[in-house]
Amino acid sequence: MAGGKIKKEKPHRGAAASSNPHYQGGIPFHKSKGQHILKNPLLIDTIIQKAGIKSTDAILEIGPGTGNLTKKLLEAGKSVVAVELDPRMVLELQRRFQGTPFSNRLKVIQGDVLKCDLPYFDICVANIPYQISSPLTFKLLSHKPLFRCAVIMFQREFAMRLVAQPGDSLYCRLSVNTQLLARVFHLLKVGRNNFRPPPKVDSSVVRIEPRKPLANFNLKEWDGLIRICFNRKNKTLGSIFKQKSVLSLLEKNYKTLLALHLAQKGSLEDTEMAAAVSALGDTGEDRTMEIDDDERDDKEMEMELDDHDARGSEFKHKVLGVLKQGDFEEKRSSKLTQADFMHLLSLFNEAGIHFS
């Protein structure tokens, strides 16, 4: 409801509309647009309780739909700003709360939440279209000033990736990047029958609490390293960093930084930091950092630079030397902690090897 495209719908007639279980107040819901309205009042009460809302809180709601959760948020907090893409839902919200004591404490923004400038808020509560889960998560984490927490309904598998720990089968780049920026807690599992219309998968409610930004920490460097490490998370780092494509990229960065005399770490400006955080949620193809994967067999993956290329061979030994120095050569990304990745990045940077 908060992201994606809305198409004009042809009008429905008579009893066909009123008897359709995917209607509420005469509004048809569309699964293809991620429109799944919470219908269980007990679940809504539980979400409100888990959010820990204070009477002084400014609340951001994303994807309010017809306002079932919005009403409870208005009862609990000081004010609510609701961002809704679908103009039909916007009209329904305005109709529902017009002339009530809540009307002057509710502001509705019609638009795509991924493109909107978000206002100040203390807490975010959202039941979102699942297709915008990753970009929305990192947009929120890039928001300044920091909010206290976000309580969001995600597709269950996505939620479990957010909270996954080293060694878990779902531990991935998303897990590492999210947990770098926030504390993440799984609150409750939500069955599909709590929605109208029911989605095809179960959901989970997650609580996200932003961490204070790390001083002088280069997120572009961090994400460059994590993209490479999790391209094949169950391969050893020694195998990953022997790939021609990885070595070629790192050597290019190495020579560029040497030429520009910029081989030292630096902090990012606020605008650059926000862009870097948002990039952590990029799940699309990255042509500079991603490596061709499943079709390659192990021999191709571990191809080394040609022996006659003395410069390339020297740089390869430099990279592998860093891995050996930190005892990382035989370790796998799927088992490494945040501290491990930070240590590895610092070792590479100390050797003049950078990832952005």
Protein backbone atom coordinates (compact mmCIF):
# COMPACT_ATOMS: atom_id res chain seq x y z
CA MET A 1 0.00 0.00 0.00
CA ALA A 2 2.89 2.39 0.62
CA GLY A 3 4.98 1.60 -2.46
CA GLY A 4 4.61 0.38 -6.02
CA LYS A 5 2.34 1.49 -8.84
CA ILE A 6 -1.39 2.06 -8.77
CA LYS A 7 -3.49 1.49 -11.88
CA LYS A 8 -6.98 2.86 -12.41
CA GLU A 9 -9.54 0.18 -11.77
CA LYS A 10 -12.68 -0.45 -13.77
CA PRO A 11 -15.81 0.09 -11.66
CA HIS A 12 -17.50 -2.98 -10.20
CA ARG A 13 -21.22 -3.35 -10.13
CA GLY A 14 -23.89 -4.36 -7.68
CA ALA A 15 -23.71 -7.43 -5.50
CA ALA A 16 -20.44 -8.59 -7.07
CA ALA A 17 -18.61 -5.85 -5.19
CA SER A 18 -20.46 -6.13 -1.89
CA SER A 19 -20.04 -9.90 -1.71
CA ASN A 20 -16.34 -9.91 -2.55
CA PRO A 21 -14.30 -10.83 0.59
CA HIS A 22 -11.46 -8.60 -0.64
CA TYR A 23 -13.56 -5.46 -0.13
CA GLN A 24 -13.84 -3.20 2.87
CA GLY A 25 -16.16 -0.20 2.72
CA GLY A 26 -16.56 -0.78 -1.01
CA ILE A 27 -12.78 -0.67 -1.70
CA PRO A 28 -11.25 -3.64 -3.57
CA PHE A 29 -7.87 -4.79 -2.28
CA HIS A 30 -5.17 -5.92 -4.69
CA LYS A 31 -2.66 -8.61 -3.71
CA SER A 32 -0.41 -7.63 -6.60
CA LYS A 33 0.11 -4.24 -4.95
CA GLY A 34 0.79 -5.73 -1.53
CA GLN A 35 -2.59 -4.69 -0.13
CA HIS A 36 -3.27 -7.00 2.80
CA ILE A 37 -5.30 -5.31 5.54
CA LEU A 38 -4.93 -6.41 9.17
CA LYS A 39 -8.34 -7.58 10.35
CA ASN A 40 -7.53 -9.17 13.74
CA PRO A 41 -8.13 -6.58 16.51
CA LEU A 42 -6.21 -8.63 19.08
CA LEU A 43 -3.15 -8.66 16.82
CA ILE A 44 -3.41 -4.91 16.33
CA ASP A 45 -3.52 -4.43 20.11
CA THR A 46 -0.44 -6.65 20.48
CA ILE A 47 1.51 -4.60 17.91
CA ILE A 48 0.60 -1.38 19.77
CA GLN A 49 1.77 -2.90 23.05
CA LYS A 50 5.04 -4.19 21.56
CA ALA A 51 5.80 -0.76 20.07
CA GLY A 52 5.94 0.83 23.52
CA ILE A 53 4.28 4.05 22.37
CA LYS A 54 4.37 7.07 24.68
CA SER A 55 1.62 9.68 24.84
CA THR A 56 4.12 12.27 23.58
CA ASP A 57 5.25 10.27 20.53
CA ALA A 58 5.04 11.44 16.93
CA ILE A 59 4.26 8.28 14.96
CA LEU A 60 4.98 7.48 11.32
CA GLU A 61 2.65 4.88 9.83
CA ILE A 62 3.47 3.41 6.43
CA GLY A 63 0.69 1.73 4.48
CA PRO A 64 -2.28 2.59 6.74
CA GLY A 65 -4.86 1.10 4.37
CA THR A 66 -8.34 1.72 5.73
CA GLY A 67 -7.13 2.82 9.16
CA ASN A 68 -7.63 -0.15 11.48
CA LEU A 69 -4.14 0.25 12.96
CA THR A 70 -4.19 4.04 12.52
CA LYS A 71 -7.04 4.41 15.03
CA LYS A 72 -5.12 2.56 17.75
CA LEU A 73 -1.96 4.60 17.02
CA LEU A 74 -3.93 7.84 17.42
CA GLU A 75 -5.29 6.61 20.73
CA ALA A 76 -1.80 5.77 22.01
CA GLY A 77 0.41 8.63 20.71
CA LYS A 78 0.42 12.38 20.23
CA SER A 79 0.12 12.47 16.43
CA VAL A 80 0.28 10.23 13.36
CA VAL A 81 1.65 10.93 9.90
CA ALA A 82 0.40 8.21 7.54
CA VAL A 83 2.02 7.65 4.14
CA GLU A 84 -0.27 5.92 1.65
CA LEU A 85 0.19 5.42 -2.10
CA ASP A 86 -3.36 4.44 -3.06
CA PRO A 87 -5.64 7.51 -3.44
CA ARG A 88 -8.70 5.37 -2.67
CA MET A 89 -7.24 4.47 0.73
CA VAL A 90 -6.35 8.12 1.37
CA LEU A 91 -9.97 9.11 0.82
CA GLU A 92 -11.15 6.30 3.07
CA LEU A 93 -8.81 7.44 5.86
CA GLN A 94 -9.99 11.03 5.56
CA ARG A 95 -13.64 9.92 5.57
CA ARG A 96 -13.12 7.64 8.57
CA PHE A 97 -11.54 10.24 10.83
CA GLN A 98 -13.25 13.41 9.62
CA GLY A 99 -15.23 15.06 12.40
CA THR A 100 -13.67 12.87 15.13
CA PRO A 101 -11.35 14.02 17.96
CA PHE A 102 -8.48 12.43 15.99
CA SER A 103 -8.84 14.53 12.84
CA ASN A 104 -6.45 17.31 13.92
CA ARG A 105 -3.81 14.78 15.03
CA LEU A 106 -3.69 12.82 11.77
CA LYS A 107 -1.84 13.93 8.65
CA VAL A 108 -2.09 11.78 5.53
CA ILE A 109 0.58 11.98 2.84
CA GLN A 110 -0.35 10.47 -0.52
CA GLY A 111 2.76 9.17 -2.24
CA ASP A 112 5.41 6.49 -2.57
CA VAL A 113 7.19 6.19 0.76
CA LEU A 114 10.45 5.37 -1.03
CA LYS A 115 10.32 8.75 -2.79
CA CYS A 116 8.83 10.91 -0.04
CA ASP A 117 10.80 13.10 2.35
CA LEU A 118 9.89 11.66 5.72
CA PRO A 119 8.98 13.97 8.62
CA TYR A 120 10.37 13.84 12.14
CA PHE A 121 9.03 10.86 14.09
CA ASP A 122 9.75 8.99 17.30
CA ILE A 123 8.31 5.62 16.27
CA CYS A 124 7.46 4.00 12.95
CA VAL A 125 4.72 1.36 12.73
CA ALA A 126 4.12 -0.25 9.37
CA ASN A 127 2.31 -3.05 7.58
CA ILE A 128 4.04 -2.72 4.23
CA PRO A 129 3.95 -4.24 0.74
CA TYR A 130 6.60 -6.93 1.04
CA GLN A 131 8.28 -6.00 -2.24
CA ILE A 132 9.65 -2.78 -0.70
CA SER A 133 10.97 -4.41 2.49
CA SER A 134 14.70 -3.98 1.89
CA PRO A 135 14.79 -0.45 0.43
CA LEU A 136 12.35 0.79 3.07
CA THR A 137 14.37 -0.70 5.93
CA PHE A 138 17.51 1.12 4.85
CA LYS A 139 15.67 4.33 4.02
CA LEU A 140 14.43 4.39 7.61
CA LEU A 141 17.90 3.63 8.95
CA SER A 142 19.32 6.55 6.94
CA HIS A 143 16.74 8.96 8.40
CA LYS A 144 17.97 11.83 10.55
CA PRO A 145 17.44 12.54 13.36
CA LEU A 146 17.38 8.95 14.56
CA PHE A 147 14.04 7.58 15.69
CA ARG A 148 13.56 5.42 18.79
CA CYS A 149 12.27 2.28 17.10
CA ALA A 150 10.35 0.86 14.14
CA VAL A 151 7.84 -1.99 14.49
CA ILE A 152 7.25 -3.44 11.04
CA MET A 153 5.33 -6.36 9.54
CA PHE A 154 7.56 -8.25 7.08
CA GLN A 155 7.28 -11.44 5.10
CA ARG A 156 8.47 -14.09 7.54
CA GLU A 157 11.55 -15.21 5.60
CA PHE A 158 12.74 -11.61 5.19
CA ALA A 159 12.21 -11.02 8.92
CA MET A 160 14.24 -14.10 9.80
CA ARG A 161 17.06 -12.89 7.55
CA LEU A 162 17.10 -9.60 9.43
CA VAL A 163 17.63 -11.34 12.77
CA ALA A 164 19.82 -14.24 11.54
CA GLN A 165 23.11 -14.84 13.36
CA PRO A 166 26.46 -16.24 12.12
CA GLY A 167 26.05 -19.92 11.32
CA ASP A 168 22.30 -19.66 10.62
CA SER A 169 21.24 -20.82 7.16
CA LEU A 170 19.56 -17.44 6.46
CA TYR A 171 22.56 -15.34 7.59
CA CYS A 172 23.39 -13.07 4.65
CA ARG A 173 24.47 -9.60 3.55
CA LEU A 174 21.09 -8.23 4.67
CA SER A 175 21.65 -9.60 8.18
CA VAL A 176 25.13 -8.12 8.48
CA ASN A 177 24.26 -4.69 7.13
CA THR A 178 21.07 -4.30 9.14
CA GLN A 179 22.69 -5.38 12.39
CA LEU A 180 25.57 -2.98 11.78
CA LEU A 181 23.10 -0.10 11.90
CA ALA A 182 20.46 -1.36 14.33
CA ARG A 183 19.46 -3.83 17.01
CA VAL A 184 16.81 -6.12 15.53
CA PHE A 185 14.34 -8.26 17.47
CA HIS A 186 11.76 -10.77 16.26
CA LEU A 187 8.51 -10.03 18.14
CA LEU A 188 5.88 -12.43 16.85
CA LYS A 189 4.85 -14.66 13.99
CA VAL A 190 1.63 -13.70 12.18
CA GLY A 191 -0.41 -16.25 10.24
CA ARG A 192 -1.74 -15.33 6.82
CA ASN A 193 -5.38 -15.60 7.94
CA ASN A 194 -5.01 -12.42 10.02
CA PHE A 195 -5.19 -10.40 6.79
CA ARG A 196 -7.84 -9.56 4.23
CA PRO A 197 -7.14 -10.78 1.58
CA PRO A 198 -4.74 -13.40 3.01
CA PRO A 199 -1.22 -13.35 1.50
CA LYS A 200 0.43 -16.52 0.25
CA VAL A 201 3.03 -16.56 3.04
CA ASP A 202 3.19 -16.05 6.79
CA SER A 203 4.50 -12.81 8.25
CA SER A 204 6.49 -11.65 11.26
CA VAL A 205 6.61 -8.45 13.26
CA VAL A 206 10.12 -7.11 13.87
CA ARG A 207 11.37 -4.32 16.13
CA ILE A 208 14.29 -2.24 14.80
CA GLU A 209 16.23 0.09 17.11
CA PRO A 210 18.83 2.26 15.30
CA ARG A 211 22.35 2.37 16.71
CA LYS A 212 24.31 5.59 17.02
CA PRO A 213 26.41 6.06 13.84
CA LEU A 214 29.99 4.82 14.04
CA ALA A 215 32.50 7.67 14.01
CA ASN A 216 34.78 7.85 10.95
CA PHE A 217 33.32 4.67 9.51
CA ASN A 218 33.15 4.37 5.73
CA LEU A 219 29.95 2.54 4.80
CA LYS A 220 30.89 2.37 1.13
CA GLU A 221 34.04 0.47 2.03
CA TRP A 222 32.07 -1.79 4.36
CA ASP A 223 29.43 -2.66 1.77
CA GLY A 224 32.07 -3.28 -0.88
CA LEU A 225 33.71 -5.88 1.37
CA ILE A 226 30.42 -7.48 2.42
CA ARG A 227 29.20 -7.78 -1.19
CA ILE A 228 32.32 -9.70 -2.13
CA CYS A 229 32.31 -11.92 0.97
CA PHE A 230 28.65 -12.91 0.63
CA ASN A 231 28.74 -13.57 -3.08
CA ARG A 232 29.63 -17.13 -2.11
CA LYS A 233 29.14 -17.13 1.65
CA ASN A 234 29.96 -20.82 2.14
CA LYS A 235 33.26 -20.68 0.24
CA THR A 236 36.46 -19.89 2.09
CA LEU A 237 37.63 -16.29 1.91
CA GLY A 238 40.88 -17.58 0.43
CA SER A 239 38.93 -19.00 -2.54
CA ILE A 240 36.81 -15.87 -2.96
CA PHE A 241 39.75 -13.47 -2.97
CA LYS A 242 41.68 -15.56 -5.53
CA GLN A 243 39.07 -14.84 -8.20
CA LYS A 244 40.35 -12.79 -11.12
CA SER A 245 37.36 -10.46 -11.04
CA VAL A 246 37.87 -9.68 -7.34
CA LEU A 247 41.62 -9.18 -7.64
CA SER A 248 41.21 -7.01 -10.73
CA LEU A 249 38.72 -4.75 -8.98
CA LEU A 250 40.79 -4.39 -5.81
CA GLU A 251 43.98 -3.73 -7.76
CA LYS A 252 42.25 -1.03 -9.78
CA ASN A 253 41.10 0.66 -6.55
CA TYR A 254 44.58 0.26 -5.09
CA LYS A 255 46.32 1.94 -8.04
CA THR A 256 43.73 4.72 -8.22
CA LEU A 257 44.08 5.61 -4.55
CA LEU A 258 47.86 5.54 -4.75
CA ALA A 259 47.77 7.86 -7.72
CA LEU A 260 45.46 10.29 -5.94
CA HIS A 261 47.29 10.04 -2.59
CA LEU A 262 44.00 9.18 -0.91
CA ALA A 263 44.92 5.86 0.64
CA GLN A 264 43.66 6.84 4.08
CA LYS A 265 40.24 6.43 5.68
CA GLY A 266 37.85 9.36 5.90
CA SER A 267 34.42 10.10 7.28
CA LEU A 268 31.36 10.73 5.12
CA GLU A 269 29.28 13.89 5.08
CA ASP A 270 25.64 13.55 6.21
CA THR A 271 24.24 13.46 2.66
CA GLU A 272 26.83 10.93 1.56
CA MET A 273 26.17 8.86 4.68
CA ALA A 274 22.43 8.71 3.94
CA ALA A 275 23.13 7.58 0.37
CA ALA A 276 25.59 4.97 1.60
CA VAL A 277 23.09 3.56 4.11
CA SER A 278 20.38 3.36 1.45
CA ALA A 279 22.80 1.50 -0.83
CA LEU A 280 23.16 -1.23 1.79
CA GLY A 281 19.62 -2.31 0.93
CA ASP A 282 20.29 -2.57 -2.79
CA THR A 283 19.35 -6.10 -3.79
CA GLY A 284 19.65 -5.54 -7.52
CA GLU A 285 22.53 -6.51 -9.74
CA ASP A 286 25.75 -4.67 -8.93
CA ARG A 287 27.98 -4.83 -11.96
CA THR A 288 31.09 -3.62 -10.17
CA MET A 289 31.07 -5.75 -7.05
CA GLU A 290 28.98 -8.85 -7.74
CA ILE A 291 30.71 -11.89 -9.15
CA ASP A 292 29.19 -14.36 -11.62
CA ASP A 293 28.21 -17.22 -9.41
CA ASP A 294 26.37 -20.51 -9.72
CA GLU A 295 27.45 -21.47 -13.23
CA ARG A 296 31.09 -21.30 -12.24
CA ASP A 297 32.62 -24.46 -10.92
CA ASP A 298 35.25 -24.42 -8.20
CA LYS A 299 38.13 -24.46 -10.64
CA GLU A 300 36.90 -21.35 -12.41
CA MET A 301 36.14 -19.66 -9.10
CA GLU A 302 39.67 -20.19 -7.80
CA MET A 303 41.46 -19.17 -11.02
CA GLU A 304 44.58 -17.20 -10.22
CA LEU A 305 46.23 -14.44 -12.18
CA ASP A 306 48.54 -15.65 -14.95
CA ASP A 307 52.00 -16.46 -13.64
CA HIS A 308 53.67 -14.27 -16.23
CA ASP A 309 51.81 -11.21 -14.89
CA ALA A 310 54.34 -10.28 -12.23
CA ARG A 311 52.44 -7.23 -11.02
CA GLY A 312 49.19 -9.15 -10.72
CA SER A 313 50.90 -11.99 -8.90
CA GLU A 314 52.48 -9.52 -6.49
CA PHE A 315 49.11 -7.92 -5.71
CA LYS A 316 47.50 -11.32 -5.29
CA HIS A 317 50.09 -12.24 -2.68
CA LYS A 318 49.45 -8.92 -0.96
CA VAL A 319 45.71 -9.70 -0.70
CA LEU A 320 46.25 -13.27 0.46
CA GLY A 321 48.83 -12.01 2.93
CA VAL A 322 46.17 -9.89 4.59
CA LEU A 323 43.90 -12.92 4.92
CA LYS A 324 46.72 -14.96 6.44
CA GLN A 325 47.66 -12.16 8.81
CA GLY A 326 44.18 -12.19 10.32
CA ASP A 327 43.78 -15.98 10.07
CA PHE A 328 40.88 -15.50 7.63
CA GLU A 329 42.06 -17.58 4.66
CA GLU A 330 40.15 -20.73 5.60
CA LYS A 331 37.15 -19.00 7.20
CA ARG A 332 33.73 -18.60 5.62
CA SER A 333 31.55 -15.49 5.57
CA SER A 334 28.55 -17.49 6.79
CA LYS A 335 30.30 -17.94 10.16
CA LEU A 336 31.86 -14.48 10.64
CA THR A 337 30.60 -11.91 13.15
CA GLN A 338 30.34 -8.12 12.82
CA ALA A 339 33.60 -7.82 14.74
CA ASP A 340 35.30 -10.28 12.35
CA PHE A 341 34.26 -8.26 9.29
CA MET A 342 35.37 -5.00 10.91
CA HIS A 343 38.75 -6.52 11.74
CA LEU A 344 39.14 -7.86 8.20
CA LEU A 345 38.27 -4.47 6.69
CA SER A 346 40.77 -2.70 8.95
CA LEU A 347 43.51 -5.14 7.91
CA PHE A 348 42.81 -4.56 4.22
CA ASN A 349 42.75 -0.77 4.71
CA GLU A 350 46.00 -0.82 6.65
CA ALA A 351 47.55 -2.60 3.65
CA GLY A 352 46.23 0.12 1.36
CA ILE A 353 43.52 -2.12 -0.12
CA HIS A 354 40.09 -0.52 -0.44
CA PHE A 355 36.63 -1.59 -1.59
CA SER A 356 35.17 1.66 -2.96
